[in-house]
PDB file of all heavy atoms in Angstrom:
ATOM      1  N   GLN A   1      97.331 117.897  69.607  1.00  0.00           N
ATOM      2  CA  GLN A   1      95.947 118.343  69.657  1.00  0.00           C
ATOM      3  C   GLN A   1      95.319 117.833  70.962  1.00  0.00           C
ATOM      4  O   GLN A   1      95.375 116.648  71.246  1.00  0.00           O
ATOM      5  CB  GLN A   1      95.151 117.786  68.472  1.00  0.00           C
ATOM      6  CG  GLN A   1      95.720 118.276  67.132  1.00  0.00           C
ATOM      7  CD  GLN A   1      94.999 117.633  65.957  1.00  0.00           C
ATOM      8  OE1 GLN A   1      94.231 116.673  66.136  1.00  0.00           O
ATOM      9  NE2 GLN A   1      95.236 118.156  64.778  1.00  0.00           N
ATOM     10  N   SER A   2      94.732 118.721  71.710  1.00  0.00           N
ATOM     11  CA  SER A   2      94.122 118.343  72.984  1.00  0.00           C
ATOM     12  C   SER A   2      92.804 117.662  72.785  1.00  0.00           C
ATOM     13  O   SER A   2      92.011 118.056  71.941  1.00  0.00           O
ATOM     14  CB  SER A   2      93.947 119.559  73.882  1.00  0.00           C
ATOM     15  OG  SER A   2      95.193 120.143  74.178  1.00  0.00           O
ATOM     16  N   MET A   3      92.552 116.632  73.553  1.00  0.00           N
ATOM     17  CA  MET A   3      91.273 115.963  73.517  1.00  0.00           C
ATOM     18  C   MET A   3      91.097 115.275  74.855  1.00  0.00           C
ATOM     19  O   MET A   3      92.046 114.953  75.552  1.00  0.00           O
ATOM     20  CB  MET A   3      91.165 114.940  72.375  1.00  0.00           C
ATOM     21  CG  MET A   3      92.193 113.838  72.410  1.00  0.00           C
ATOM     22  SD  MET A   3      92.246 112.817  70.955  1.00  0.00           S
ATOM     23  CE  MET A   3      90.584 112.187  70.947  1.00  0.00           C
ATOM     24  N   THR A   4      89.844 115.077  75.269  1.00  0.00           N
ATOM     25  CA  THR A   4      89.539 114.460  76.531  1.00  0.00           C
ATOM     26  C   THR A   4      89.353 112.971  76.361  1.00  0.00           C
ATOM     27  O   THR A   4      88.535 112.511  75.576  1.00  0.00           O
ATOM     28  CB  THR A   4      88.245 115.060  77.153  1.00  0.00           C
ATOM     29  OG1 THR A   4      88.467 116.469  77.304  1.00  0.00           O
ATOM     30  CG2 THR A   4      87.946 114.437  78.493  1.00  0.00           C
ATOM     31  N   LEU A   5      90.158 112.208  77.079  1.00  0.00           N
ATOM     32  CA  LEU A   5      90.109 110.769  77.047  1.00  0.00           C
ATOM     33  C   LEU A   5      90.128 110.235  78.474  1.00  0.00           C
ATOM     34  O   LEU A   5      90.420 110.950  79.415  1.00  0.00           O
ATOM     35  CB  LEU A   5      91.317 110.186  76.305  1.00  0.00           C
ATOM     36  CG  LEU A   5      91.501 110.579  74.835  1.00  0.00           C
ATOM     37  CD1 LEU A   5      92.860 110.116  74.359  1.00  0.00           C
ATOM     38  CD2 LEU A   5      90.403 109.986  73.980  1.00  0.00           C
ATOM     39  N   ALA A   6      89.806 108.974  78.627  1.00  0.00           N
ATOM     40  CA  ALA A   6      89.975 108.331  79.922  1.00  0.00           C
ATOM     41  C   ALA A   6      91.300 107.590  79.889  1.00  0.00           C
ATOM     42  O   ALA A   6      91.562 106.828  78.987  1.00  0.00           O
ATOM     43  CB  ALA A   6      88.807 107.373  80.176  1.00  0.00           C
ATOM     44  N   ALA A   7      92.146 107.837  80.870  1.00  0.00           N
ATOM     45  CA  ALA A   7      93.413 107.147  81.004  1.00  0.00           C
ATOM     46  C   ALA A   7      93.312 106.195  82.186  1.00  0.00           C
ATOM     47  O   ALA A   7      92.771 106.543  83.239  1.00  0.00           O
ATOM     48  CB  ALA A   7      94.553 108.131  81.192  1.00  0.00           C
ATOM     49  N   HIS A   8      93.837 105.001  82.014  1.00  0.00           N
ATOM     50  CA  HIS A   8      93.788 103.975  83.052  1.00  0.00           C
ATOM     51  C   HIS A   8      95.208 103.455  83.303  1.00  0.00           C
ATOM     52  O   HIS A   8      95.951 103.256  82.362  1.00  0.00           O
ATOM     53  CB  HIS A   8      92.896 102.807  82.611  1.00  0.00           C
ATOM     54  CG  HIS A   8      91.534 103.199  82.124  1.00  0.00           C
ATOM     55  ND1 HIS A   8      90.400 103.099  82.898  1.00  0.00           N
ATOM     56  CD2 HIS A   8      91.126 103.707  80.938  1.00  0.00           C
ATOM     57  CE1 HIS A   8      89.353 103.519  82.194  1.00  0.00           C
ATOM     58  NE2 HIS A   8      89.776 103.908  80.992  1.00  0.00           N
ATOM     59  N   TRP A   9      95.517 103.176  84.560  1.00  0.00           N
ATOM     60  CA  TRP A   9      96.825 102.591  84.855  1.00  0.00           C
ATOM     61  C   TRP A   9      96.809 101.875  86.191  1.00  0.00           C
ATOM     62  O   TRP A   9      95.885 102.037  86.999  1.00  0.00           O
ATOM     63  CB  TRP A   9      97.936 103.649  84.804  1.00  0.00           C
ATOM     64  CG  TRP A   9      97.918 104.707  85.848  1.00  0.00           C
ATOM     65  CD1 TRP A   9      98.549 104.701  87.048  1.00  0.00           C
ATOM     66  CD2 TRP A   9      97.200 105.941  85.809  1.00  0.00           C
ATOM     67  NE1 TRP A   9      98.299 105.857  87.747  1.00  0.00           N
ATOM     68  CE2 TRP A   9      97.473 106.640  87.003  1.00  0.00           C
ATOM     69  CE3 TRP A   9      96.338 106.537  84.852  1.00  0.00           C
ATOM     70  CZ2 TRP A   9      96.897 107.874  87.291  1.00  0.00           C
ATOM     71  CZ3 TRP A   9      95.817 107.794  85.162  1.00  0.00           C
ATOM     72  CH2 TRP A   9      96.103 108.442  86.339  1.00  0.00           C
ATOM     73  N   LEU A  10      97.868 101.090  86.419  1.00  0.00           N
ATOM     74  CA  LEU A  10      98.052 100.375  87.707  1.00  0.00           C
ATOM     75  C   LEU A  10      99.300 100.939  88.365  1.00  0.00           C
ATOM     76  O   LEU A  10     100.301 101.198  87.713  1.00  0.00           O
ATOM     77  CB  LEU A  10      98.201  98.879  87.495  1.00  0.00           C
ATOM     78  CG  LEU A  10      97.010  98.124  86.935  1.00  0.00           C
ATOM     79  CD1 LEU A  10      97.377  96.659  86.691  1.00  0.00           C
ATOM     80  CD2 LEU A  10      95.807  98.210  87.867  1.00  0.00           C
ATOM     81  N   LEU A  11      99.232 101.060  89.693  1.00  0.00           N
ATOM     82  CA  LEU A  11     100.384 101.528  90.478  1.00  0.00           C
ATOM     83  C   LEU A  11     100.811 100.450  91.468  1.00  0.00           C
ATOM     84  O   LEU A  11      99.992  99.799  92.090  1.00  0.00           O
ATOM     85  CB  LEU A  11     100.009 102.793  91.275  1.00  0.00           C
ATOM     86  CG  LEU A  11      99.773 104.075  90.507  1.00  0.00           C
ATOM     87  CD1 LEU A  11      99.343 105.196  91.486  1.00  0.00           C
ATOM     88  CD2 LEU A  11     101.022 104.515  89.766  1.00  0.00           C
ATOM     89  N   ALA A  12     102.137 100.250  91.542  1.00  0.00           N
ATOM     90  CA  ALA A  12     102.727  99.367  92.529  1.00  0.00           C
ATOM     91  C   ALA A  12     104.044 100.004  92.976  1.00  0.00           C
ATOM     92  O   ALA A  12     105.041  99.890  92.280  1.00  0.00           O
ATOM     93  CB  ALA A  12     102.972  97.969  91.958  1.00  0.00           C
ATOM     94  N   GLY A  13     104.010 100.653  94.108  1.00  0.00           N
ATOM     95  CA  GLY A  13     105.204 101.401  94.526  1.00  0.00           C
ATOM     96  C   GLY A  13     105.473 102.513  93.535  1.00  0.00           C
ATOM     97  O   GLY A  13     104.616 103.364  93.286  1.00  0.00           O
ATOM     98  N   GLU A  14     106.682 102.514  92.948  1.00  0.00           N
ATOM     99  CA  GLU A  14     107.041 103.535  91.955  1.00  0.00           C
ATOM    100  C   GLU A  14     106.720 103.069  90.520  1.00  0.00           C
ATOM    101  O   GLU A  14     106.932 103.835  89.581  1.00  0.00           O
ATOM    102  CB  GLU A  14     108.544 103.867  92.061  1.00  0.00           C
ATOM    103  CG  GLU A  14     108.890 104.529  93.410  1.00  0.00           C
ATOM    104  CD  GLU A  14     110.348 104.916  93.441  1.00  0.00           C
ATOM    105  OE1 GLU A  14     111.095 104.596  92.481  1.00  0.00           O
ATOM    106  OE2 GLU A  14     110.769 105.543  94.445  1.00  0.00           O
ATOM    107  N   ARG A  15     106.248 101.851  90.379  1.00  0.00           N
ATOM    108  CA  ARG A  15     105.876 101.369  89.042  1.00  0.00           C
ATOM    109  C   ARG A  15     104.527 101.920  88.606  1.00  0.00           C
ATOM    110  O   ARG A  15     103.552 101.855  89.355  1.00  0.00           O
ATOM    111  CB  ARG A  15     105.825  99.832  88.996  1.00  0.00           C
ATOM    112  CG  ARG A  15     107.136  99.130  89.176  1.00  0.00           C
ATOM    113  CD  ARG A  15     106.954  97.648  89.014  1.00  0.00           C
ATOM    114  NE  ARG A  15     106.624  97.254  87.658  1.00  0.00           N
ATOM    115  CZ  ARG A  15     106.153  96.042  87.315  1.00  0.00           C
ATOM    116  NH1 ARG A  15     105.973  95.137  88.249  1.00  0.00           N
ATOM    117  NH2 ARG A  15     105.890  95.781  86.069  1.00  0.00           N
ATOM    118  N   ARG A  16     104.495 102.482  87.415  1.00  0.00           N
ATOM    119  CA  ARG A  16     103.242 103.012  86.851  1.00  0.00           C
ATOM    120  C   ARG A  16     103.038 102.322  85.495  1.00  0.00           C
ATOM    121  O   ARG A  16     103.797 102.536  84.565  1.00  0.00           O
ATOM    122  CB  ARG A  16     103.312 104.513  86.651  1.00  0.00           C
ATOM    123  CG  ARG A  16     102.034 105.180  86.175  1.00  0.00           C
ATOM    124  CD  ARG A  16     102.258 106.670  86.015  1.00  0.00           C
ATOM    125  NE  ARG A  16     101.024 107.350  85.762  1.00  0.00           N
ATOM    126  CZ  ARG A  16     100.436 107.484  84.541  1.00  0.00           C
ATOM    127  NH1 ARG A  16     101.034 106.931  83.486  1.00  0.00           N
ATOM    128  NH2 ARG A  16      99.305 108.149  84.377  1.00  0.00           N
ATOM    129  N   LEU A  17     102.033 101.456  85.445  1.00  0.00           N
ATOM    130  CA  LEU A  17     101.808 100.639  84.254  1.00  0.00           C
ATOM    131  C   LEU A  17     100.521 101.084  83.548  1.00  0.00           C
ATOM    132  O   LEU A  17      99.431 100.829  84.027  1.00  0.00           O
ATOM    133  CB  LEU A  17     101.711  99.160  84.646  1.00  0.00           C
ATOM    134  CG  LEU A  17     102.885  98.590  85.422  1.00  0.00           C
ATOM    135  CD1 LEU A  17     102.611  97.163  85.829  1.00  0.00           C
ATOM    136  CD2 LEU A  17     104.147  98.661  84.565  1.00  0.00           C
ATOM    137  N   PRO A  18     100.634 101.775  82.403  1.00  0.00           N
ATOM    138  CA  PRO A  18      99.431 102.228  81.693  1.00  0.00           C
ATOM    139  C   PRO A  18      98.684 101.047  81.109  1.00  0.00           C
ATOM    140  O   PRO A  18      99.269 100.068  80.647  1.00  0.00           O
ATOM    141  CB  PRO A  18     100.001 103.157  80.619  1.00  0.00           C
ATOM    142  CG  PRO A  18     101.400 102.685  80.414  1.00  0.00           C
ATOM    143  CD  PRO A  18     101.889 102.206  81.745  1.00  0.00           C
ATOM    144  N   LEU A  19      97.361 101.165  81.096  1.00  0.00           N
ATOM    145  CA  LEU A  19      96.509 100.168  80.471  1.00  0.00           C
ATOM    146  C   LEU A  19      96.009 100.722  79.154  1.00  0.00           C
ATOM    147  O   LEU A  19      95.682 101.910  79.046  1.00  0.00           O
ATOM    148  CB  LEU A  19      95.324  99.829  81.392  1.00  0.00           C
ATOM    149  CG  LEU A  19      95.673  99.292  82.775  1.00  0.00           C
ATOM    150  CD1 LEU A  19      94.443  99.169  83.640  1.00  0.00           C
ATOM    151  CD2 LEU A  19      96.366  97.941  82.666  1.00  0.00           C
ATOM    152  N   VAL A  20      95.943  99.880  78.139  1.00  0.00           N
ATOM    153  CA  VAL A  20      95.567 100.321  76.807  1.00  0.00           C
ATOM    154  C   VAL A  20      94.124 100.006  76.526  1.00  0.00           C
ATOM    155  O   VAL A  20      93.466  99.189  77.227  1.00  0.00           O
ATOM    156  CB  VAL A  20      96.455  99.648  75.740  1.00  0.00           C
ATOM    157  CG1 VAL A  20      97.922  99.942  75.990  1.00  0.00           C
ATOM    158  CG2 VAL A  20      96.224  98.137  75.682  1.00  0.00           C
ATOM    159  N   SER A  21      93.583 100.641  75.505  1.00  0.00           N
ATOM    160  CA  SER A  21      92.224 100.352  75.083  1.00  0.00           C
ATOM    161  C   SER A  21      92.140  98.926  74.596  1.00  0.00           C
ATOM    162  O   SER A  21      92.986  98.453  73.848  1.00  0.00           O
ATOM    163  CB  SER A  21      91.814 101.338  73.960  1.00  0.00           C
ATOM    164  OG  SER A  21      90.510 101.042  73.510  1.00  0.00           O
ATOM    165  N   GLY A  22      91.107  98.213  75.050  1.00  0.00           N
ATOM    166  CA  GLY A  22      90.974  96.799  74.682  1.00  0.00           C
ATOM    167  C   GLY A  22      91.498  95.884  75.788  1.00  0.00           C
ATOM    168  O   GLY A  22      91.457  96.243  76.973  1.00  0.00           O
ATOM    169  N   GLU A  23      92.020  94.753  75.417  1.00  0.00           N
ATOM    170  CA  GLU A  23      92.431  93.726  76.373  1.00  0.00           C
ATOM    171  C   GLU A  23      93.862  93.933  76.864  1.00  0.00           C
ATOM    172  O   GLU A  23      94.784  94.135  76.064  1.00  0.00           O
ATOM    173  CB  GLU A  23      92.301  92.333  75.732  1.00  0.00           C
ATOM    174  CG  GLU A  23      92.629  91.197  76.688  1.00  0.00           C
ATOM    175  CD  GLU A  23      92.510  89.844  76.031  1.00  0.00           C
ATOM    176  OE1 GLU A  23      93.352  89.492  75.200  1.00  0.00           O
ATOM    177  OE2 GLU A  23      91.514  89.135  76.336  1.00  0.00           O
ATOM    178  N   ASN A  24      94.032  93.857  78.167  1.00  0.00           N
ATOM    179  CA  ASN A  24      95.364  93.927  78.805  1.00  0.00           C
ATOM    180  C   ASN A  24      95.557  92.617  79.590  1.00  0.00           C
ATOM    181  O   ASN A  24      94.899  92.424  80.630  1.00  0.00           O
ATOM    182  CB  ASN A  24      95.445  95.086  79.767  1.00  0.00           C
ATOM    183  CG  ASN A  24      95.308  96.420  79.081  1.00  0.00           C
ATOM    184  OD1 ASN A  24      96.287  97.098  78.753  1.00  0.00           O
ATOM    185  ND2 ASN A  24      94.051  96.826  78.853  1.00  0.00           N
ATOM    186  N   ILE A  25      96.419  91.732  79.117  1.00  0.00           N
ATOM    187  CA  ILE A  25      96.693  90.478  79.826  1.00  0.00           C
ATOM    188  C   ILE A  25      97.664  90.772  80.956  1.00  0.00           C
ATOM    189  O   ILE A  25      98.692  91.435  80.772  1.00  0.00           O
ATOM    190  CB  ILE A  25      97.239  89.412  78.867  1.00  0.00           C
ATOM    191  CG1 ILE A  25      96.199  89.053  77.797  1.00  0.00           C
ATOM    192  CG2 ILE A  25      97.653  88.144  79.657  1.00  0.00           C
ATOM    193  CD1 ILE A  25      94.945  88.431  78.352  1.00  0.00           C
ATOM    194  N   VAL A  26      97.373  90.212  82.116  1.00  0.00           N
ATOM    195  CA  VAL A  26      98.211  90.324  83.296  1.00  0.00           C
ATOM    196  C   VAL A  26      98.837  88.971  83.580  1.00  0.00           C
ATOM    197  O   VAL A  26      98.102  87.974  83.660  1.00  0.00           O
ATOM    198  CB  VAL A  26      97.426  90.815  84.528  1.00  0.00           C
ATOM    199  CG1 VAL A  26      98.328  90.935  85.748  1.00  0.00           C
ATOM    200  CG2 VAL A  26      96.717  92.134  84.238  1.00  0.00           C
ATOM    201  N   GLY A  27     100.168  88.866  83.739  1.00  0.00           N
ATOM    202  CA  GLY A  27     100.749  87.598  84.043  1.00  0.00           C
ATOM    203  C   GLY A  27     102.262  87.560  83.908  1.00  0.00           C
ATOM    204  O   GLY A  27     102.905  88.582  83.701  1.00  0.00           O
ATOM    205  N   ARG A  28     102.830  86.355  84.007  1.00  0.00           N
ATOM    206  CA  ARG A  28     104.278  86.172  83.929  1.00  0.00           C
ATOM    207  C   ARG A  28     104.741  85.911  82.497  1.00  0.00           C
ATOM    208  O   ARG A  28     105.964  85.869  82.244  1.00  0.00           O
ATOM    209  CB  ARG A  28     104.710  84.989  84.805  1.00  0.00           C
ATOM    210  CG  ARG A  28     104.729  85.289  86.288  1.00  0.00           C
ATOM    211  CD  ARG A  28     105.398  84.185  87.096  1.00  0.00           C
ATOM    212  NE  ARG A  28     104.681  82.931  87.010  1.00  0.00           N
ATOM    213  CZ  ARG A  28     105.099  81.855  86.360  1.00  0.00           C
ATOM    214  NH1 ARG A  28     106.270  81.876  85.732  1.00  0.00           N
ATOM    215  NH2 ARG A  28     104.386  80.741  86.355  1.00  0.00           N
ATOM    216  N   ALA A  29     103.833  85.695  81.544  1.00  0.00           N
ATOM    217  CA  ALA A  29     104.237  85.452  80.163  1.00  0.00           C
ATOM    218  C   ALA A  29     104.940  86.673  79.600  1.00  0.00           C
ATOM    219  O   ALA A  29     104.586  87.824  79.901  1.00  0.00           O
ATOM    220  CB  ALA A  29     103.014  85.107  79.312  1.00  0.00           C
ATOM    221  N   ALA A  30     105.974  86.445  78.787  1.00  0.00           N
ATOM    222  CA  ALA A  30     106.760  87.549  78.231  1.00  0.00           C
ATOM    223  C   ALA A  30     105.898  88.498  77.412  1.00  0.00           C
ATOM    224  O   ALA A  30     106.180  89.688  77.326  1.00  0.00           O
ATOM    225  CB  ALA A  30     107.912  87.017  77.367  1.00  0.00           C
TER     226      ALA A  30
END
């Protein structure tokens, strides 16, 4: 079902990392 949302992500070279709704922790922790 189609719906309009906002999508967020980070790019680093060929890496594409999607961000989710709410908190996204950035770091070296597993």
